[in-house]
Amino acid sequence: MVITTTPTIEGHSIVQYLGPVFGEVVAGVNFVKDFMAGISNFLGGRSSSYEEELIKARNEALQEMASRAASLGATAIIGMKVDYEVLGTNNGMMMVIASGTAVKYE
């Protein structure tokens, strides 16, 4: 499955637009990672534990979106974007949404 942020696929023609597709992931971050991120916040620097969770959630959202596109018969997703939000009590959960347009190309 080709996934691109662009509205076209270079060197190919889009022959059918199948509609928007989405992949959503809502993930909680556990106490240990919150604690370690708090230390990073206090001392300065990056939080590798949060970064790992964010990367994992983004990859899952992209995989889910690609799976939904494939079920429509798509061979690609164009105009892909990823959005991030925090939710829940004390912003204890993160939401990652991948979206794009499922298409067939030749």
Protein backbone atom coordinates (compact mmCIF):
# COMPACT_ATOMS: atom_id res chain seq x y z
CA MET A 1 0.00 0.00 0.00
CA VAL A 2 1.47 3.33 -1.07
CA ILE A 3 0.80 6.03 1.53
CA THR A 4 1.73 9.60 0.66
CA THR A 5 1.09 13.10 1.96
CA THR A 6 0.85 14.41 -1.59
CA PRO A 7 -2.38 14.62 -3.64
CA THR A 8 -0.90 12.53 -6.46
CA ILE A 9 1.43 9.57 -6.97
CA GLU A 10 4.32 10.59 -9.16
CA GLY A 11 4.42 8.69 -12.44
CA HIS A 12 0.96 7.16 -11.95
CA SER A 13 -2.63 8.09 -12.69
CA ILE A 14 -5.34 7.83 -10.10
CA VAL A 15 -8.20 5.91 -11.68
CA GLN A 16 -10.66 5.79 -8.80
CA TYR A 17 -11.28 7.69 -5.58
CA LEU A 18 -12.74 5.40 -2.93
CA GLY A 19 -13.26 7.95 -0.17
CA PRO A 20 -11.73 9.01 3.11
CA VAL A 21 -10.18 6.45 5.43
CA PHE A 22 -9.11 6.78 9.05
CA GLY A 23 -7.08 4.94 11.64
CA GLU A 24 -7.65 5.86 15.27
CA VAL A 25 -5.69 4.85 18.34
CA VAL A 26 -6.38 5.96 21.90
CA ALA A 27 -3.61 4.88 24.25
CA GLY A 28 -3.02 5.34 27.93
CA VAL A 29 0.41 6.02 29.33
CA ASN A 30 1.19 4.11 32.50
CA PHE A 31 2.38 5.45 35.85
CA VAL A 32 6.03 4.47 35.36
CA LYS A 33 6.25 6.33 32.04
CA ASP A 34 4.47 9.33 33.58
CA PHE A 35 7.00 9.31 36.42
CA MET A 36 9.99 9.06 34.07
CA ALA A 37 8.57 11.81 31.83
CA GLY A 38 8.14 13.98 34.91
CA ILE A 39 11.82 13.56 35.71
CA SER A 40 12.74 14.48 32.13
CA ASN A 41 10.48 17.51 32.37
CA PHE A 42 12.10 18.60 35.65
CA LEU A 43 15.68 18.05 34.48
CA GLY A 44 15.11 19.03 30.87
CA GLY A 45 15.57 16.91 27.79
CA ARG A 46 13.53 14.46 25.80
CA SER A 47 11.21 11.80 27.15
CA SER A 48 12.12 8.61 25.31
CA SER A 49 9.34 6.68 27.05
CA TYR A 50 6.66 9.05 25.70
CA GLU A 51 8.35 9.18 22.30
CA GLU A 52 8.25 5.38 22.07
CA GLU A 53 4.54 5.34 22.94
CA LEU A 54 3.82 8.06 20.39
CA ILE A 55 5.70 6.23 17.63
CA LYS A 56 3.91 2.99 18.47
CA ALA A 57 0.48 4.69 18.43
CA ARG A 58 1.25 6.46 15.14
CA ASN A 59 2.34 3.22 13.47
CA GLU A 60 -0.80 1.46 14.70
CA ALA A 61 -3.01 4.28 13.37
CA LEU A 62 -1.28 4.11 9.97
CA GLN A 63 -1.66 0.32 9.85
CA GLU A 64 -5.34 0.55 10.75
CA MET A 65 -5.92 3.19 8.06
CA ALA A 66 -4.11 1.07 5.46
CA SER A 67 -6.16 -1.98 6.44
CA ARG A 68 -9.41 -0.05 6.01
CA ALA A 69 -8.25 1.25 2.63
CA ALA A 70 -7.32 -2.27 1.51
CA SER A 71 -10.77 -3.52 2.48
CA LEU A 72 -12.18 -0.96 0.00
CA GLY A 73 -9.88 -2.30 -2.72
CA ALA A 74 -7.49 0.66 -2.60
CA THR A 75 -3.92 0.44 -3.84
CA ALA A 76 -2.86 3.73 -2.24
CA ILE A 77 -3.75 6.46 0.22
CA ILE A 78 -3.12 10.05 -0.81
CA GLY A 79 -3.22 13.26 1.22
CA MET A 80 -2.31 11.42 4.42
CA LYS A 81 -2.04 13.39 7.63
CA VAL A 82 -1.64 12.50 11.28
CA ASP A 83 -3.23 14.39 14.18
CA TYR A 84 -2.40 14.08 17.87
CA GLU A 85 -4.53 15.01 20.89
CA VAL A 86 -4.46 14.36 24.61
CA LEU A 87 -7.60 13.41 26.51
CA GLY A 88 -8.90 11.90 29.68
CA THR A 89 -8.49 12.87 33.29
CA ASN A 90 -5.32 14.91 33.68
CA ASN A 91 -4.61 14.37 29.97
CA GLY A 92 -3.59 10.80 30.77
CA MET A 93 -4.38 9.40 27.34
CA MET A 94 -3.22 10.24 23.87
CA MET A 95 -5.19 9.95 20.67
CA VAL A 96 -3.57 9.55 17.27
CA ILE A 97 -5.66 9.79 14.11
CA ALA A 98 -4.30 9.04 10.65
CA SER A 99 -6.45 10.10 7.71
CA GLY A 100 -6.25 10.19 3.94
CA THR A 101 -8.09 9.37 0.73
CA ALA A 102 -8.19 5.79 -0.46
CA VAL A 103 -7.57 5.49 -4.20
CA LYS A 104 -6.76 3.03 -6.97
CA TYR A 105 -3.94 3.94 -9.34
CA GLU A 106 -2.31 2.51 -12.42
